Each structure stands twice: as C-alpha cells, then as structure tokens.
Protein backbone atom coordinates (compact mmCIF):
# COMPACT_ATOMS: atom_id res chain seq x y z
CA MET A 1 76.37 7.28 -48.34
CA LYS A 2 72.64 7.24 -48.99
CA ILE A 3 70.74 4.26 -47.59
CA LYS A 4 68.89 2.59 -50.45
CA ASP A 5 65.20 1.69 -50.36
CA LYS A 6 64.91 -2.09 -49.95
CA ILE A 7 62.44 -3.77 -52.31
CA LEU A 8 61.29 -7.38 -52.01
CA ILE A 9 60.33 -9.00 -55.32
CA ILE A 10 57.94 -11.93 -54.81
CA GLU A 11 57.85 -13.73 -58.16
CA ASP A 12 58.10 -17.43 -58.96
CA GLU A 13 59.32 -17.03 -62.56
CA ALA A 14 63.09 -16.65 -62.35
CA SER A 15 63.42 -14.78 -65.65
CA ILE A 16 60.91 -12.12 -64.56
CA SER A 17 62.31 -11.70 -61.05
CA SER A 18 65.84 -11.44 -62.43
CA PHE A 19 64.78 -8.82 -64.95
CA ILE A 20 62.98 -6.72 -62.33
CA ALA A 21 65.90 -7.00 -59.90
CA THR A 22 68.33 -5.84 -62.60
CA VAL A 23 66.17 -2.82 -63.46
CA LEU A 24 65.76 -1.85 -59.81
CA ALA A 25 69.46 -2.25 -59.02
CA ALA A 26 70.31 -0.02 -61.98
CA ASN A 27 68.03 2.61 -60.43
CA SER A 28 69.70 2.53 -57.00
CA TYR A 29 67.32 0.19 -55.18
CA ASP A 30 68.43 -2.64 -52.90
CA THR A 31 66.59 -5.80 -53.98
CA MET A 32 65.69 -9.18 -52.54
CA VAL A 33 63.85 -12.00 -54.34
CA ALA A 34 61.47 -14.64 -53.02
CA HIS A 35 60.17 -17.37 -55.35
CA THR A 36 57.55 -18.89 -53.01
CA GLY A 37 55.04 -17.59 -50.52
CA SER A 38 56.70 -19.22 -47.53
CA GLU A 39 60.06 -17.79 -48.53
CA ALA A 40 58.44 -14.37 -48.94
CA ILE A 41 56.87 -14.40 -45.47
CA SER A 42 60.21 -15.34 -43.93
CA MET A 43 61.98 -12.50 -45.75
CA ILE A 44 59.27 -9.95 -44.93
CA THR A 45 59.40 -10.67 -41.21
CA SER A 46 63.20 -10.81 -41.05
CA HIS A 47 64.12 -7.91 -43.36
CA CYS A 48 61.10 -5.54 -43.23
CA PRO A 49 61.42 -4.20 -46.80
CA ASP A 50 60.51 -0.64 -47.74
CA LEU A 51 58.27 -1.87 -50.59
CA ILE A 52 56.96 -5.21 -51.85
CA LEU A 53 56.33 -6.21 -55.47
CA LEU A 54 53.87 -9.09 -55.24
CA ASP A 55 52.90 -11.66 -57.86
CA LEU A 56 49.58 -13.31 -57.00
CA GLY A 57 50.23 -16.67 -58.68
CA LEU A 58 52.78 -18.36 -56.42
CA PRO A 59 53.40 -22.14 -56.38
CA ASP A 60 52.62 -22.75 -52.70
CA MET A 61 49.97 -20.12 -51.88
CA ASP A 62 47.96 -17.30 -53.39
CA GLY A 63 49.61 -13.92 -53.19
CA GLY A 64 46.48 -12.54 -51.59
CA SER A 65 47.33 -14.49 -48.42
CA ILE A 66 50.66 -12.66 -48.21
CA LEU A 67 48.90 -9.35 -48.72
CA LYS A 68 46.52 -10.06 -45.84
CA PHE A 69 49.37 -11.26 -43.62
CA VAL A 70 51.38 -8.07 -44.11
CA ARG A 71 48.39 -5.79 -43.59
CA GLU A 72 47.76 -7.33 -40.16
CA TRP A 73 50.80 -5.51 -38.79
CA SER A 74 52.44 -3.28 -41.40
CA THR A 75 51.70 -0.36 -43.73
CA CYS A 76 54.61 -1.28 -46.02
CA PRO A 77 53.58 -0.31 -49.58
CA ILE A 78 52.63 -3.31 -51.72
CA ILE A 79 52.36 -3.21 -55.50
CA VAL A 80 50.71 -6.24 -57.07
CA VAL A 81 52.38 -7.25 -60.34
CA SER A 82 50.19 -9.90 -61.94
CA ALA A 83 49.08 -11.44 -65.22
CA ARG A 84 45.52 -11.43 -63.85
CA ASN A 85 43.80 -8.57 -65.65
CA HIS A 86 40.17 -9.01 -64.61
CA GLU A 87 38.63 -6.08 -62.81
CA ARG A 88 37.51 -8.38 -60.00
CA ASP A 89 41.12 -9.40 -59.27
CA LYS A 90 42.24 -5.78 -59.13
CA VAL A 91 39.39 -4.76 -56.84
CA GLU A 92 40.00 -7.67 -54.46
CA ALA A 93 43.71 -6.88 -54.20
CA LEU A 94 43.16 -3.17 -53.63
CA ASP A 95 40.42 -3.83 -51.08
CA ALA A 96 42.76 -6.21 -49.25
CA GLY A 97 45.31 -3.43 -48.86
CA ALA A 98 47.42 -3.30 -52.02
CA ASP A 99 48.64 0.20 -52.84
CA ASP A 100 48.73 -0.36 -56.59
CA TYR A 101 48.17 -3.02 -59.27
CA ILE A 102 50.22 -3.47 -62.45
CA VAL A 103 49.25 -5.96 -65.15
CA LYS A 104 51.93 -7.99 -66.94
CA PRO A 105 53.49 -7.27 -69.33
CA PHE A 106 54.52 -3.80 -68.18
CA GLY A 107 57.05 -1.13 -69.12
CA THR A 108 60.03 -0.44 -66.90
CA SER A 109 59.32 3.30 -66.82
CA GLU A 110 55.79 2.65 -65.57
CA LEU A 111 57.05 0.24 -62.91
CA LEU A 112 59.64 2.70 -61.63
CA ALA A 113 57.10 5.52 -61.57
CA ARG A 114 54.63 3.40 -59.59
CA ILE A 115 57.37 2.48 -57.11
CA ARG A 116 58.41 6.12 -56.61
CA THR A 117 54.78 7.09 -56.05
CA ALA A 118 54.12 4.30 -53.54
CA ILE A 119 57.23 5.11 -51.52
CA ARG A 120 56.37 8.82 -51.59
CA HIS A 121 52.88 8.06 -50.29
CA THR A 122 54.34 6.38 -47.22
CA ARG A 123 55.53 9.86 -46.28
CA THR A 124 52.36 11.78 -47.06
CA HIS A 125 50.25 9.57 -44.79
CA LEU A 126 52.38 10.16 -41.70
CA PRO A 127 51.03 11.70 -38.49
CA ASN A 128 53.59 14.50 -38.86
CA GLY A 129 52.27 16.92 -41.49
CA ASP A 130 55.57 18.80 -41.79
CA ILE A 131 57.28 15.64 -43.05
CA ALA A 132 54.54 15.11 -45.60
CA GLN A 133 55.08 18.63 -46.98
CA SER A 134 58.87 18.93 -46.93
CA GLY A 135 60.22 15.39 -46.67
CA GLN A 136 62.17 16.48 -43.61
CA PHE A 137 61.89 16.56 -39.84
CA LYS A 138 63.72 19.41 -38.11
CA ALA A 139 64.28 20.10 -34.43
CA MET A 140 66.99 22.27 -32.85
CA GLY A 141 69.64 21.57 -35.47
CA LEU A 142 68.65 17.94 -36.05
CA THR A 143 67.37 17.10 -39.54
CA ILE A 144 65.95 13.77 -40.72
CA ASP A 145 65.89 13.79 -44.51
CA TYR A 146 63.38 11.12 -45.53
CA ASP A 147 64.13 11.45 -49.23
CA LYS A 148 67.89 11.00 -48.90
CA HIS A 149 67.69 8.61 -45.90
CA GLN A 150 70.09 10.78 -43.94
CA VAL A 151 70.27 12.31 -40.47
CA LEU A 152 72.16 15.58 -40.07
CA VAL A 153 73.17 17.65 -37.06
CA ASP A 154 73.90 21.31 -37.79
CA GLY A 155 74.04 20.42 -41.49
CA GLN A 156 76.54 17.57 -41.13
CA ASN A 157 75.66 13.97 -42.00
CA VAL A 158 76.18 11.83 -38.88
CA HIS A 159 76.41 8.60 -40.92
CA LEU A 160 73.96 6.32 -39.14
CA THR A 161 73.79 2.63 -39.95
CA GLN A 162 70.64 1.34 -41.63
CA ASN A 163 69.11 0.14 -38.33
CA GLU A 164 70.07 3.36 -36.57
CA TYR A 165 68.47 5.41 -39.35
CA LYS A 166 65.28 3.34 -39.24
CA LEU A 167 64.99 3.89 -35.50
CA VAL A 168 65.54 7.65 -35.70
CA SER A 169 63.24 8.06 -38.72
CA LEU A 170 60.46 6.12 -36.98
CA LEU A 171 60.69 8.32 -33.88
CA GLY A 172 60.69 11.41 -36.11
CA LYS A 173 57.47 10.32 -37.78
CA TYR A 174 55.77 10.20 -34.37
CA ALA A 175 57.64 13.13 -32.80
CA GLY A 176 56.28 14.14 -29.40
CA ARG A 177 54.70 10.73 -28.83
CA VAL A 178 56.08 7.93 -26.69
CA LEU A 179 56.67 4.80 -28.76
CA THR A 180 56.82 1.62 -26.70
CA TYR A 181 59.73 -0.78 -27.03
CA ASP A 182 57.43 -3.49 -28.45
CA PHE A 183 55.96 -1.13 -31.07
CA ILE A 184 59.43 -0.08 -32.23
CA ILE A 185 60.66 -3.67 -32.42
CA ARG A 186 57.64 -4.76 -34.49
CA GLN A 187 58.00 -1.82 -36.88
CA LEU A 188 61.73 -2.31 -37.38
CA TRP A 189 62.10 -6.10 -37.33
CA GLY A 190 58.63 -7.55 -37.94
CA PRO A 191 55.92 -9.27 -35.89
CA LYS A 192 58.00 -12.34 -35.06
CA ALA A 193 60.92 -10.40 -33.61
CA LYS A 194 61.74 -11.13 -29.99
CA SER A 195 60.75 -8.44 -27.51
CA ASP A 196 64.37 -7.86 -26.56
CA ASN A 197 64.98 -4.29 -25.48
CA GLN A 198 68.73 -4.83 -25.37
CA ILE A 199 69.14 -4.46 -29.14
CA LEU A 200 67.23 -1.17 -28.96
CA ARG A 201 69.39 0.09 -26.12
CA VAL A 202 72.56 -0.74 -28.04
CA ASN A 203 71.31 1.06 -31.14
CA MET A 204 70.16 4.04 -29.11
CA ALA A 205 73.51 4.33 -27.33
CA ASN A 206 75.26 4.42 -30.70
CA ILE A 207 72.77 6.96 -32.06
CA ARG A 208 73.22 9.27 -29.09
CA ARG A 209 76.99 9.19 -29.46
CA LYS A 210 76.53 10.42 -33.02
CA ILE A 211 73.79 13.05 -32.63
CA GLU A 212 73.99 14.34 -29.05
CA LYS A 213 76.63 16.73 -27.72
CA ASN A 214 76.15 15.12 -24.31
CA PRO A 215 74.69 11.61 -24.67
CA ALA A 216 74.05 11.48 -20.90
CA GLU A 217 71.71 14.47 -21.20
CA PRO A 218 70.00 14.04 -24.59
CA LYS A 219 68.08 16.89 -26.15
CA TYR A 220 66.66 15.03 -29.16
CA ILE A 221 65.55 11.54 -28.12
CA PHE A 222 64.30 10.93 -24.59
CA THR A 223 63.95 7.64 -22.71
CA GLU A 224 60.65 7.02 -20.97
CA ILE A 225 61.88 4.57 -18.33
CA GLY A 226 60.29 1.14 -18.67
CA VAL A 227 58.12 2.27 -21.60
CA GLY A 228 60.03 3.40 -24.69
CA TYR A 229 61.46 6.43 -26.48
CA ARG A 230 60.17 9.85 -27.54
CA MET A 231 61.52 12.27 -30.13
CA VAL A 232 61.55 15.96 -29.27
CA ASP A 233 58.77 18.04 -30.86
CA PRO A 234 59.68 19.59 -34.22
CA ASP A 235 60.64 23.25 -34.58
C-alpha cells in the first residue's frame, strides 16, 4: 500500500480547514488540521508533515512566526494560503522561506497543482541528482521509489512502515554520506525529539530484516559505529 503524503493544514476558520481537508483526502493525501499557532507548532514537531498549508492570520500568533520557526531546522515545503493579497505580504512570506503563496479565495484545481509542484520540488533540490531526474534511487537491486513511497528489492515491494520508509528514503537522498544519529532524528521526528538512538536501532533492525539477505552483513545500509548510518552509493 502506498504511503500517503501527510499535509498539515494550519487554518483557524473551521469551515475552510474542513473544506481543504475534504478535498485533499479525496485526492489521496493524509491530512491534519491545526486551528492555532501553538497547536500547529506542536503538530509540526511531533508529526513532521510532508507539506504545510499555512494561513497567516491565526488567533494567537502571526503565521510568519511559524514559517520562521520551521525554516530554522526544516526544508518542508510551505504554501501560504492567505486572504492578504498585497504584494508586500507575498514578498515577505517568500523571503522568509515560503515555497508558494495562494490568495483566498482559490480554486481546488489550482491548490492541488501547487501542492503537487511543491512536493515535486523537494525531490529536485536533493543532493542526489539521479533522484531528481528519475524519482528513484537504485543500488544493487534496491529501489527507493520517491513518487510511490515504496522500497523494492529485486522488483518486490518490501512493505516498510511509514517510519521505516522515511529512514530509508532519507539515507537514499544522501547516499554515500554518513548521516549522524542526531541529524536523522531531527529530520524524522523534529527538533524537539529526544536524542535516543534506540528507536533508530529498532527501526534499522526491522528494515534490515526486510531488505537484506543477511542482516548481519548488510550490503545496502552500513552502520558507522558511534556516529550514524550510510547508504551504499547508487548504481
């Protein structure tokens, strides 16, 4: 089963957030909704969404503060969805790190197209150029399909969990480089996650049982003792 892209909707008007969530769910996205800035920050750090739809006019803080907070540690795509239509507002949001800006009211087709584009751009800005071109990482029979959110070995889907897929896909993006335990934890679970390597070791043990013929002698993902993990170089 394909893992769905997770989108966080940050919108204080319940009718608008409900409408957007319904549209996204109908188009195979997994959605979460936050109605305040503080709720949004909690959900961002605990769930690490794949994309954020951000309204600027929140009851407890300006959406720009959330934008700046996320950009301190994450490249998660952020699309501002706001009633503010002045050029100055758009420029400030884009300069602060927003990937796109949509003015209310908007059409659903436009919204979906902007979301697809923003998610696609997260792939084209990766260090691994092959992924940017093909949407896939391949090495010795292992394939990470970034479009379908699947990992295959010799053409067979190994059915990773969402956390397992996120870990493998992150290593694939930086194939050949050692990623430290702390870096992986921050990328997968946010800046406030505890630096507990045990959860990584458990996930990695499960991953190796699924992708390696001999988990004790891995050929895809290597452990750099006391430092982190490294994905084999691509074909």
